[in-house]
C-alpha atoms as a PDB file:
ATOM      1  CA  MET A   1     -51.428  41.984  43.883  1.00  0.00           C
ATOM      2  CA  PRO A   2     -51.082  41.268  40.132  1.00  0.00           C
ATOM      3  CA  LEU A   3     -52.232  37.913  38.751  1.00  0.00           C
ATOM      4  CA  LEU A   4     -49.121  35.799  37.933  1.00  0.00           C
ATOM      5  CA  LEU A   5     -49.739  33.360  35.095  1.00  0.00           C
ATOM      6  CA  THR A   6     -47.589  30.425  34.048  1.00  0.00           C
ATOM      7  CA  ASP A   7     -47.807  28.509  30.750  1.00  0.00           C
ATOM      8  CA  ALA A   8     -49.882  25.937  32.639  1.00  0.00           C
ATOM      9  CA  ASP A   9     -52.558  28.550  33.555  1.00  0.00           C
ATOM     10  CA  VAL A  10     -52.693  29.774  29.967  1.00  0.00           C
ATOM     11  CA  VAL A  11     -53.071  26.261  28.603  1.00  0.00           C
ATOM     12  CA  ALA A  12     -55.801  25.375  31.163  1.00  0.00           C
ATOM     13  CA  ARG A  13     -57.914  28.568  30.700  1.00  0.00           C
ATOM     14  CA  LEU A  14     -57.463  29.593  27.149  1.00  0.00           C
ATOM     15  CA  ASP A  15     -59.279  27.848  24.374  1.00  0.00           C
ATOM     16  CA  ALA A  16     -58.862  28.496  20.598  1.00  0.00           C
ATOM     17  CA  PRO A  17     -62.408  30.107  19.941  1.00  0.00           C
ATOM     18  CA  THR A  18     -61.697  32.593  22.786  1.00  0.00           C
ATOM     19  CA  ALA A  19     -58.159  33.371  21.531  1.00  0.00           C
ATOM     20  CA  VAL A  20     -59.393  33.844  17.793  1.00  0.00           C
ATOM     21  CA  ALA A  21     -62.231  35.986  18.855  1.00  0.00           C
ATOM     22  CA  ALA A  22     -59.725  38.179  20.931  1.00  0.00           C
ATOM     23  CA  MET A  23     -57.470  38.610  17.963  1.00  0.00           C
ATOM     24  CA  ARG A  24     -60.272  39.485  15.621  1.00  0.00           C
ATOM     25  CA  ASP A  25     -61.270  42.227  18.235  1.00  0.00           C
ATOM     26  CA  ALA A  26     -57.701  43.343  18.393  1.00  0.00           C
ATOM     27  CA  LEU A  27     -57.439  43.565  14.619  1.00  0.00           C
ATOM     28  CA  VAL A  28     -60.622  45.675  14.386  1.00  0.00           C
ATOM     29  CA  ALA A  29     -59.396  47.836  17.224  1.00  0.00           C
ATOM     30  CA  ALA A  30     -56.175  48.535  15.500  1.00  0.00           C
ATOM     31  CA  HIS A  31     -57.837  49.433  12.336  1.00  0.00           C
ATOM     32  CA  ALA A  32     -60.040  51.832  14.152  1.00  0.00           C
ATOM     33  CA  GLY A  33     -57.129  53.528  15.867  1.00  0.00           C
ATOM     34  CA  GLN A  34     -58.225  52.313  19.271  1.00  0.00           C
ATOM     35  CA  LEU A  35     -55.430  49.840  19.745  1.00  0.00           C
ATOM     36  CA  ILE A  36     -52.032  51.728  19.481  1.00  0.00           C
ATOM     37  CA  ALA A  37     -49.577  49.296  18.313  1.00  0.00           C
ATOM     38  CA  PRO A  38     -46.207  50.601  17.047  1.00  0.00           C
ATOM     39  CA  PRO A  39     -43.704  48.302  15.526  1.00  0.00           C
ATOM     40  CA  ARG A  40     -41.419  46.324  17.733  1.00  0.00           C
ATOM     41  CA  ALA A  41     -38.228  47.852  19.284  1.00  0.00           C
ATOM     42  CA  SER A  42     -35.043  46.082  20.218  1.00  0.00           C
ATOM     43  CA  ALA A  43     -31.826  46.656  21.928  1.00  0.00           C
ATOM     44  CA  VAL A  44     -28.645  45.038  20.539  1.00  0.00           C
ATOM     45  CA  LEU A  45     -26.670  43.252  23.378  1.00  0.00           C
ATOM     46  CA  GLU A  46     -23.540  41.315  23.410  1.00  0.00           C
ATOM     47  CA  GLY A  47     -24.613  37.873  21.956  1.00  0.00           C
ATOM     48  CA  GLY A  48     -28.199  38.790  21.115  1.00  0.00           C
ATOM     49  CA  ARG A  49     -31.093  41.247  21.310  1.00  0.00           C
ATOM     50  CA  LEU A  50     -33.663  42.166  23.854  1.00  0.00           C
ATOM     51  CA  VAL A  51     -36.937  42.788  21.984  1.00  0.00           C
ATOM     52  CA  MET A  52     -40.209  44.617  23.123  1.00  0.00           C
ATOM     53  CA  THR A  53     -43.603  45.074  21.730  1.00  0.00           C
ATOM     54  CA  ALA A  54     -46.138  47.389  23.410  1.00  0.00           C
ATOM     55  CA  GLY A  55     -49.693  48.252  22.964  1.00  0.00           C
ATOM     56  CA  HIS A  56     -52.351  50.633  24.474  1.00  0.00           C
ATOM     57  CA  LEU A  57     -56.119  49.974  24.329  1.00  0.00           C
ATOM     58  CA  ALA A  58     -57.638  53.421  24.852  1.00  0.00           C
ATOM     59  CA  ASP A  59     -58.985  53.898  28.441  1.00  0.00           C
ATOM     60  CA  GLU A  60     -58.596  50.348  29.280  1.00  0.00           C
ATOM     61  CA  TRP A  61     -54.945  49.090  29.454  1.00  0.00           C
ATOM     62  CA  TYR A  62     -51.390  49.257  28.240  1.00  0.00           C
ATOM     63  CA  GLY A  63     -48.589  46.863  28.408  1.00  0.00           C
ATOM     64  CA  PHE A  64     -45.682  45.110  26.811  1.00  0.00           C
ATOM     65  CA  ARG A  65     -44.101  41.864  26.018  1.00  0.00           C
ATOM     66  CA  SER A  66     -40.329  41.179  26.122  1.00  0.00           C
ATOM     67  CA  TYR A  67     -38.334  38.428  24.736  1.00  0.00           C
ATOM     68  CA  ASP A  68     -34.672  37.794  23.710  1.00  0.00           C
ATOM     69  CA  THR A  69     -32.720  36.278  20.891  1.00  0.00           C
ATOM     70  CA  PHE A  70     -29.910  34.752  22.874  1.00  0.00           C
ATOM     71  CA  GLY A  71     -31.191  31.174  22.013  1.00  0.00           C
ATOM     72  CA  HIS A  72     -31.303  29.759  25.519  1.00  0.00           C
ATOM     73  CA  ALA A  73     -33.167  26.483  25.592  1.00  0.00           C
ATOM     74  CA  ASP A  74     -35.025  27.480  28.735  1.00  0.00           C
ATOM     75  CA  GLY A  75     -35.444  31.270  27.782  1.00  0.00           C
ATOM     76  CA  GLU A  76     -38.738  32.804  28.749  1.00  0.00           C
ATOM     77  CA  GLN A  77     -40.919  35.582  27.506  1.00  0.00           C
ATOM     78  CA  LEU A  78     -42.650  38.217  29.806  1.00  0.00           C
ATOM     79  CA  VAL A  79     -45.992  39.979  29.161  1.00  0.00           C
ATOM     80  CA  VAL A  80     -47.140  42.744  31.528  1.00  0.00           C
ATOM     81  CA  LEU A  81     -50.620  44.246  31.642  1.00  0.00           C
ATOM     82  CA  HIS A  82     -51.194  47.627  33.244  1.00  0.00           C
ATOM     83  CA  ASP A  83     -54.641  49.216  34.072  1.00  0.00           C
ATOM     84  CA  ALA A  84     -54.751  52.393  31.970  1.00  0.00           C
ATOM     85  CA  ARG A  85     -57.001  54.076  34.789  1.00  0.00           C
ATOM     86  CA  ASP A  86     -54.348  53.871  37.567  1.00  0.00           C
ATOM     87  CA  GLY A  87     -51.220  52.481  36.071  1.00  0.00           C
ATOM     88  CA  ARG A  88     -51.293  49.381  38.354  1.00  0.00           C
ATOM     89  CA  ILE A  89     -50.049  46.154  36.975  1.00  0.00           C
ATOM     90  CA  ARG A  90     -53.147  43.872  36.711  1.00  0.00           C
ATOM     91  CA  ALA A  91     -51.365  40.708  35.386  1.00  0.00           C
ATOM     92  CA  ILE A  92     -48.084  39.254  34.513  1.00  0.00           C
ATOM     93  CA  ALA A  93     -47.465  36.189  32.199  1.00  0.00           C
ATOM     94  CA  VAL A  94     -44.218  34.328  32.078  1.00  0.00           C
ATOM     95  CA  GLY A  95     -43.532  31.623  29.581  1.00  0.00           C
ATOM     96  CA  GLU A  96     -44.156  30.973  25.931  1.00  0.00           C
ATOM     97  CA  GLU A  97     -47.836  30.149  25.541  1.00  0.00           C
ATOM     98  CA  ILE A  98     -49.312  33.689  25.495  1.00  0.00           C
ATOM     99  CA  GLY A  99     -47.012  34.647  22.632  1.00  0.00           C
ATOM    100  CA  SER A 100     -47.418  31.409  20.691  1.00  0.00           C
ATOM    101  CA  ARG A 101     -51.147  31.189  21.139  1.00  0.00           C
ATOM    102  CA  ARG A 102     -51.487  34.784  20.181  1.00  0.00           C
ATOM    103  CA  THR A 103     -49.674  34.086  16.902  1.00  0.00           C
ATOM    104  CA  GLY A 104     -51.720  30.969  16.390  1.00  0.00           C
ATOM    105  CA  ALA A 105     -54.991  33.000  16.969  1.00  0.00           C
ATOM    106  CA  LEU A 106     -54.000  35.662  14.577  1.00  0.00           C
ATOM    107  CA  GLY A 107     -53.559  32.897  12.007  1.00  0.00           C
ATOM    108  CA  GLY A 108     -56.871  31.454  12.836  1.00  0.00           C
ATOM    109  CA  ALA A 109     -58.477  34.895  12.406  1.00  0.00           C
ATOM    110  CA  ALA A 110     -56.811  35.019   8.947  1.00  0.00           C
ATOM    111  CA  VAL A 111     -58.052  31.702   7.961  1.00  0.00           C
ATOM    112  CA  ASP A 112     -61.587  32.762   9.100  1.00  0.00           C
ATOM    113  CA  LEU A 113     -61.466  35.917   7.022  1.00  0.00           C
ATOM    114  CA  LEU A 114     -59.691  34.714   3.894  1.00  0.00           C
ATOM    115  CA  ALA A 115     -60.079  30.924   3.401  1.00  0.00           C
ATOM    116  CA  ARG A 116     -63.085  29.499   1.685  1.00  0.00           C
ATOM    117  CA  ALA A 117     -66.103  28.877   3.928  1.00  0.00           C
ATOM    118  CA  ASP A 118     -66.013  25.215   2.744  1.00  0.00           C
ATOM    119  CA  ALA A 119     -62.317  24.676   3.669  1.00  0.00           C
ATOM    120  CA  VAL A 120     -61.869  21.369   5.602  1.00  0.00           C
ATOM    121  CA  SER A 121     -58.356  20.035   4.794  1.00  0.00           C
ATOM    122  CA  VAL A 122     -55.125  21.468   6.296  1.00  0.00           C
ATOM    123  CA  GLY A 123     -51.485  21.118   5.023  1.00  0.00           C
ATOM    124  CA  VAL A 124     -48.699  21.934   7.339  1.00  0.00           C
ATOM    125  CA  ILE A 125     -44.999  22.560   6.689  1.00  0.00           C
ATOM    126  CA  GLY A 126     -43.158  22.633   9.968  1.00  0.00           C
ATOM    127  CA  SER A 127     -43.754  20.778  13.248  1.00  0.00           C
ATOM    128  CA  GLY A 128     -42.864  23.268  15.962  1.00  0.00           C
ATOM    129  CA  ARG A 129     -44.782  25.252  18.423  1.00  0.00           C
ATOM    130  CA  GLN A 130     -45.918  27.860  15.900  1.00  0.00           C
ATOM    131  CA  ALA A 131     -47.232  25.238  13.573  1.00  0.00           C
ATOM    132  CA  TRP A 132     -49.160  23.551  16.420  1.00  0.00           C
ATOM    133  CA  THR A 133     -50.939  26.735  17.464  1.00  0.00           C
ATOM    134  CA  GLN A 134     -51.790  27.611  13.887  1.00  0.00           C
ATOM    135  CA  VAL A 135     -53.676  24.168  13.468  1.00  0.00           C
ATOM    136  CA  TRP A 136     -55.104  24.585  17.015  1.00  0.00           C
ATOM    137  CA  ALA A 137     -56.734  27.867  15.851  1.00  0.00           C
ATOM    138  CA  THR A 138     -57.644  26.898  12.446  1.00  0.00           C
ATOM    139  CA  ALA A 139     -59.691  24.053  13.809  1.00  0.00           C
ATOM    140  CA  ALA A 140     -61.696  26.563  15.691  1.00  0.00           C
ATOM    141  CA  VAL A 141     -62.905  28.501  12.642  1.00  0.00           C
ATOM    142  CA  ARG A 142     -63.294  25.681  10.107  1.00  0.00           C
ATOM    143  CA  PRO A 143     -64.624  22.137  10.315  1.00  0.00           C
ATOM    144  CA  VAL A 144     -61.226  20.557   9.702  1.00  0.00           C
ATOM    145  CA  ARG A 145     -61.526  16.851   8.526  1.00  0.00           C
ATOM    146  CA  SER A 146     -57.869  16.034   7.737  1.00  0.00           C
ATOM    147  CA  VAL A 147     -54.389  17.341   8.419  1.00  0.00           C
ATOM    148  CA  ARG A 148     -51.156  16.425   6.698  1.00  0.00           C
ATOM    149  CA  VAL A 149     -47.751  17.451   8.009  1.00  0.00           C
ATOM    150  CA  PHE A 150     -44.177  17.677   6.684  1.00  0.00           C
ATOM    151  CA  SER A 151     -40.967  18.600   8.371  1.00  0.00           C
ATOM    152  CA  ARG A 152     -37.319  17.738   7.932  1.00  0.00           C
ATOM    153  CA  SER A 153     -37.459  15.412  10.919  1.00  0.00           C
ATOM    154  CA  ALA A 154     -39.603  12.153  10.387  1.00  0.00           C
ATOM    155  CA  ALA A 155     -39.736  11.785  14.120  1.00  0.00           C
ATOM    156  CA  ARG A 156     -41.059  15.311  14.848  1.00  0.00           C
ATOM    157  CA  ARG A 157     -43.582  15.275  11.910  1.00  0.00           C
ATOM    158  CA  SER A 158     -44.937  11.882  13.142  1.00  0.00           C
ATOM    159  CA  ALA A 159     -45.149  13.112  16.713  1.00  0.00           C
ATOM    160  CA  PHE A 160     -46.925  16.300  15.549  1.00  0.00           C
ATOM    161  CA  ALA A 161     -49.466  14.259  13.566  1.00  0.00           C
ATOM    162  CA  ALA A 162     -50.121  12.187  16.714  1.00  0.00           C
ATOM    163  CA  ARG A 163     -50.535  15.300  18.870  1.00  0.00           C
ATOM    164  CA  VAL A 164     -53.145  16.699  16.338  1.00  0.00           C
ATOM    165  CA  THR A 165     -55.053  13.455  16.641  1.00  0.00           C
ATOM    166  CA  ASP A 166     -54.901  12.928  20.300  1.00  0.00           C
ATOM    167  CA  SER A 167     -55.350  16.681  21.401  1.00  0.00           C
ATOM    168  CA  LEU A 168     -57.767  17.926  18.695  1.00  0.00           C
ATOM    169  CA  GLY A 169     -59.359  14.821  17.609  1.00  0.00           C
ATOM    170  CA  LEU A 170     -58.517  15.330  13.918  1.00  0.00           C
ATOM    171  CA  PRO A 171     -57.234  12.705  11.454  1.00  0.00           C
ATOM    172  CA  ALA A 172     -53.686  13.580  10.797  1.00  0.00           C
ATOM    173  CA  VAL A 173     -50.732  11.966   8.950  1.00  0.00           C
ATOM    174  CA  ALA A 174     -47.124  12.721   8.449  1.00  0.00           C
ATOM    175  CA  VAL A 175     -45.951  12.715   4.823  1.00  0.00           C
ATOM    176  CA  ASP A 176     -42.626  12.672   3.167  1.00  0.00           C
ATOM    177  CA  SER A 177     -42.462  16.004   1.229  1.00  0.00           C
ATOM    178  CA  ALA A 178     -43.665  19.454   1.530  1.00  0.00           C
ATOM    179  CA  ALA A 179     -45.471  18.924  -1.854  1.00  0.00           C
ATOM    180  CA  ALA A 180     -47.384  16.011  -0.497  1.00  0.00           C
ATOM    181  CA  ALA A 181     -48.352  18.023   2.599  1.00  0.00           C
ATOM    182  CA  VAL A 182     -49.945  20.851   0.591  1.00  0.00           C
ATOM    183  CA  ASP A 183     -51.351  19.060  -2.621  1.00  0.00           C
ATOM    184  CA  GLY A 184     -54.966  19.671  -2.906  1.00  0.00           C
ATOM    185  CA  GLN A 185     -55.264  21.227   0.666  1.00  0.00           C
ATOM    186  CA  ASP A 186     -57.772  24.002   1.339  1.00  0.00           C
ATOM    187  CA  VAL A 187     -55.609  25.656   4.106  1.00  0.00           C
ATOM    188  CA  VAL A 188     -51.846  25.560   4.045  1.00  0.00           C
ATOM    189  CA  ILE A 189     -49.612  26.579   7.114  1.00  0.00           C
ATOM    190  CA  VAL A 190     -46.006  27.317   6.643  1.00  0.00           C
ATOM    191  CA  ALA A 191     -44.163  27.668   9.984  1.00  0.00           C
ATOM    192  CA  THR A 192     -40.514  27.001   9.770  1.00  0.00           C
ATOM    193  CA  THR A 193     -37.029  28.444  10.492  1.00  0.00           C
ATOM    194  CA  SER A 194     -35.950  28.202   6.946  1.00  0.00           C
ATOM    195  CA  GLU A 195     -34.361  31.138   5.202  1.00  0.00           C
ATOM    196  CA  ARG A 196     -34.935  29.450   1.692  1.00  0.00           C
ATOM    197  CA  PRO A 197     -38.336  28.595   0.012  1.00  0.00           C
ATOM    198  CA  VAL A 198     -39.871  25.390   1.294  1.00  0.00           C
ATOM    199  CA  LEU A 199     -43.266  25.899  -0.526  1.00  0.00           C
ATOM    200  CA  ALA A 200     -43.697  25.764  -4.355  1.00  0.00           C
ATOM    201  CA  ALA A 201     -46.700  27.743  -5.556  1.00  0.00           C
ATOM    202  CA  ALA A 202     -47.432  25.206  -8.239  1.00  0.00           C
ATOM    203  CA  ASP A 203     -48.174  22.658  -5.658  1.00  0.00           C
ATOM    204  CA  LEU A 204     -51.160  24.698  -4.311  1.00  0.00           C
ATOM    205  CA  ALA A 205     -54.652  23.906  -5.192  1.00  0.00           C
ATOM    206  CA  PRO A 206     -56.842  26.623  -6.762  1.00  0.00           C
ATOM    207  CA  GLY A 207     -58.575  28.533  -3.970  1.00  0.00           C
ATOM    208  CA  ALA A 208     -56.100  27.582  -1.211  1.00  0.00           C
ATOM    209  CA  HIS A 209     -55.464  29.909   1.514  1.00  0.00           C
ATOM    210  CA  VAL A 210     -51.788  30.183   2.956  1.00  0.00           C
ATOM    211  CA  ASN A 211     -50.665  31.365   6.302  1.00  0.00           C
ATOM    212  CA  LEU A 212     -46.868  32.260   6.419  1.00  0.00           C
ATOM    213  CA  VAL A 213     -45.278  32.369   9.857  1.00  0.00           C
ATOM    214  CA  GLY A 214     -41.579  32.146   9.420  1.00  0.00           C
ATOM    215  CA  PHE A 215     -39.088  34.387   7.671  1.00  0.00           C
ATOM    216  CA  LYS A 216     -40.583  36.545   4.908  1.00  0.00           C
ATOM    217  CA  GLN A 217     -37.881  39.135   3.919  1.00  0.00           C
ATOM    218  CA  GLN A 218     -36.022  39.666   0.649  1.00  0.00           C
ATOM    219  CA  GLY A 219     -33.019  37.250   0.780  1.00  0.00           C
ATOM    220  CA  ARG A 220     -34.484  35.452   3.653  1.00  0.00           C
ATOM    221  CA  ALA A 221     -37.874  33.845   3.195  1.00  0.00           C
ATOM    222  CA  GLU A 222     -39.622  30.462   3.579  1.00  0.00           C
ATOM    223  CA  PHE A 223     -41.500  31.147   0.400  1.00  0.00           C
ATOM    224  CA  GLY A 224     -40.647  32.681  -3.020  1.00  0.00           C
ATOM    225  CA  LEU A 225     -41.863  35.176  -5.479  1.00  0.00           C
ATOM    226  CA  ASP A 226     -43.751  32.314  -7.265  1.00  0.00           C
ATOM    227  CA  LEU A 227     -46.281  32.428  -4.372  1.00  0.00           C
ATOM    228  CA  VAL A 228     -46.476  36.209  -4.273  1.00  0.00           C
ATOM    229  CA  GLY A 229     -47.296  36.138  -8.057  1.00  0.00           C
ATOM    230  CA  ARG A 230     -50.181  33.684  -7.587  1.00  0.00           C
ATOM    231  CA  ALA A 231     -51.728  35.576  -4.703  1.00  0.00           C
ATOM    232  CA  GLY A 232     -54.978  37.314  -5.360  1.00  0.00           C
ATOM    233  CA  VAL A 233     -54.908  38.582  -1.835  1.00  0.00           C
ATOM    234  CA  LEU A 234     -51.833  39.262   0.223  1.00  0.00           C
ATOM    235  CA  ALA A 235     -52.729  40.544   3.737  1.00  0.00           C
ATOM    236  CA  THR A 236     -50.838  41.182   6.991  1.00  0.00           C
ATOM    237  CA  ASP A 237     -51.884  41.815  10.644  1.00  0.00           C
ATOM    238  CA  SER A 238     -49.705  44.855  10.992  1.00  0.00           C
ATOM    239  CA  PRO A 239     -48.923  47.163   8.085  1.00  0.00           C
ATOM    240  CA  ALA A 240     -46.730  49.323  10.369  1.00  0.00           C
ATOM    241  CA  GLN A 241     -44.729  46.306  11.420  1.00  0.00           C
ATOM    242  CA  ALA A 242     -44.496  45.041   7.732  1.00  0.00           C
ATOM    243  CA  GLY A 243     -43.218  48.354   6.602  1.00  0.00           C
ATOM    244  CA  SER A 244     -40.482  48.534   9.138  1.00  0.00           C
ATOM    245  CA  TYR A 245     -38.663  45.341   8.093  1.00  0.00           C
ATOM    246  CA  ASP A 246     -34.906  45.679   7.070  1.00  0.00           C
ATOM    247  CA  PRO A 247     -34.531  43.993   4.654  1.00  0.00           C
ATOM    248  CA  PRO A 248     -37.878  44.647   3.313  1.00  0.00           C
ATOM    249  CA  LEU A 249     -40.730  42.030   2.980  1.00  0.00           C
ATOM    250  CA  LEU A 250     -40.775  39.878  -0.116  1.00  0.00           C
ATOM    251  CA  LEU A 251     -43.691  41.375  -1.842  1.00  0.00           C
ATOM    252  CA  GLY A 252     -42.918  41.458  -5.472  1.00  0.00           C
ATOM    253  CA  GLY A 253     -45.132  44.584  -6.023  1.00  0.00           C
ATOM    254  CA  THR A 254     -48.174  42.910  -4.894  1.00  0.00           C
ATOM    255  CA  PRO A 255     -50.295  45.253  -2.718  1.00  0.00           C
ATOM    256  CA  LEU A 256     -50.466  44.407   0.884  1.00  0.00           C
ATOM    257  CA  ARG A 257     -53.840  44.608   2.562  1.00  0.00           C
ATOM    258  CA  ASP A 258     -54.679  45.220   6.185  1.00  0.00           C
ATOM    259  CA  LEU A 259     -56.245  42.119   7.836  1.00  0.00           C
ATOM    260  CA  GLY A 260     -57.921  44.477  10.364  1.00  0.00           C
ATOM    261  CA  ALA A 261     -59.600  46.438   7.636  1.00  0.00           C
ATOM    262  CA  ILE A 262     -60.848  43.170   6.117  1.00  0.00           C
ATOM    263  CA  ALA A 263     -62.160  42.154   9.632  1.00  0.00           C
ATOM    264  CA  ALA A 264     -63.919  45.527   9.947  1.00  0.00           C
ATOM    265  CA  GLY A 265     -65.453  45.232   6.599  1.00  0.00           C
ATOM    266  CA  ALA A 266     -63.542  48.219   5.248  1.00  0.00           C
ATOM    267  CA  ALA A 267     -61.456  46.263   2.696  1.00  0.00           C
ATOM    268  CA  PRO A 268     -62.354  43.252   0.546  1.00  0.00           C
ATOM    269  CA  GLY A 269     -61.124  39.664   1.168  1.00  0.00           C
ATOM    270  CA  ARG A 270     -61.230  36.839  -1.154  1.00  0.00           C
ATOM    271  CA  ALA A 271     -63.004  37.698  -4.426  1.00  0.00           C
ATOM    272  CA  SER A 272     -63.599  34.281  -5.697  1.00  0.00           C
ATOM    273  CA  ALA A 273     -63.494  30.506  -4.753  1.00  0.00           C
ATOM    274  CA  GLU A 274     -60.573  29.979  -7.125  1.00  0.00           C
ATOM    275  CA  GLU A 275     -58.349  32.809  -5.713  1.00  0.00           C
ATOM    276  CA  ILE A 276     -55.380  32.112  -3.722  1.00  0.00           C
ATOM    277  CA  SER A 277     -55.151  34.089  -0.445  1.00  0.00           C
ATOM    278  CA  VAL A 278     -51.957  34.599   1.573  1.00  0.00           C
ATOM    279  CA  PHE A 279     -51.578  35.911   5.187  1.00  0.00           C
ATOM    280  CA  LEU A 280     -48.161  37.281   6.121  1.00  0.00           C
ATOM    281  CA  SER A 281     -48.043  37.097   9.911  1.00  0.00           C
ATOM    282  CA  VAL A 282     -45.765  39.789  11.211  1.00  0.00           C
ATOM    283  CA  GLY A 283     -46.904  40.248  14.727  1.00  0.00           C
ATOM    284  CA  LEU A 284     -49.420  43.150  15.549  1.00  0.00           C
ATOM    285  CA  ALA A 285     -47.958  44.759  18.550  1.00  0.00           C
ATOM    286  CA  GLY A 286     -50.081  44.697  21.776  1.00  0.00           C
ATOM    287  CA  THR A 287     -51.843  41.582  20.913  1.00  0.00           C
ATOM    288  CA  GLU A 288     -50.061  39.528  23.558  1.00  0.00           C
ATOM    289  CA  VAL A 289     -51.269  42.083  26.108  1.00  0.00           C
ATOM    290  CA  PHE A 290     -54.742  41.911  24.576  1.00  0.00           C
ATOM    291  CA  LEU A 291     -54.801  38.231  25.008  1.00  0.00           C
ATOM    292  CA  LEU A 292     -53.415  38.494  28.618  1.00  0.00           C
ATOM    293  CA  ASP A 293     -56.246  40.819  29.428  1.00  0.00           C
ATOM    294  CA  ARG A 294     -58.783  38.234  28.183  1.00  0.00           C
ATOM    295  CA  VAL A 295     -57.190  35.324  30.153  1.00  0.00           C
ATOM    296  CA  ALA A 296     -57.034  37.527  33.331  1.00  0.00           C
ATOM    297  CA  ALA A 297     -60.664  38.317  32.945  1.00  0.00           C
ATOM    298  CA  LEU A 298     -61.397  34.573  32.712  1.00  0.00           C
ATOM    299  CA  LEU A 299     -59.502  33.832  35.713  1.00  0.00           C
ATOM    300  CA  THR A 300     -61.025  36.690  37.706  1.00  0.00           C
ATOM    301  CA  SER A 301     -64.511  35.644  36.787  1.00  0.00           C
ATOM    302  CA  ALA A 302     -63.783  32.030  37.662  1.00  0.00           C
ATOM    303  CA  ASP A 303     -62.452  33.198  41.085  1.00  0.00           C
ATOM    304  CA  VAL A 304     -65.716  35.327  41.647  1.00  0.00           C
ATOM    305  CA  GLY A 305     -67.938  32.548  40.633  1.00  0.00           C
END
């Protein structure tokens, strides 16, 4: 029988270093052509869409993730892992944690590859699930000493700061503006649902690295062309997905680098300590399945032990 994983199983078994290492491996595999990861597909239904991403790691596994856009408060995602040798289903994950931690771990990999080696401070705009997993993963790749967070809700940003301190052991404070959250910070995380810019590039310190998780298309983006103009490095986890957006991504003519190529040493990352680097998280397909494979292996080895 396949392993059936809940969010509680994922939280208990998957730590941030393991997740980030898995996503670095996935990025390199995609760059090498070993991970087949086409852009996401969707079916338009009455009142929403059913969305699917799929991936195939050569000779090992294939699988998919499905989720919807109906906006149900208790809506769940599904990730299914097949064994490539016989087609049997090895594991199924139901819930949100695989998807959220996969996105956070891709962000952690971006920080590891693009942020300065001496980065120790983090500024966050947003206080939801995605913002949390970005901080969770960032703390696994840099010796974070402080976190500042801003979101529109004073209660939510205060609760977020408390969670960072309680769960990650990091000094964290809630602040009253986006500018205060990012001023002087080495790593900046923007994870909102805003369709208008919430980050001003002028507020960034020289040498900052920025992870962008929310909307990033022309006419609907949580950042503006001022940030694109200041970016010395603009990278993404999936050039194929980035190129399939309609409307297109907000790039302003700045070349987009493949984070997998940077991870593989086939493309340069940051060129100087003063350069601003930006990661556009678009969702490399197959990475939820990649992560489920790692979690399933951890559970299987624990059972054997």
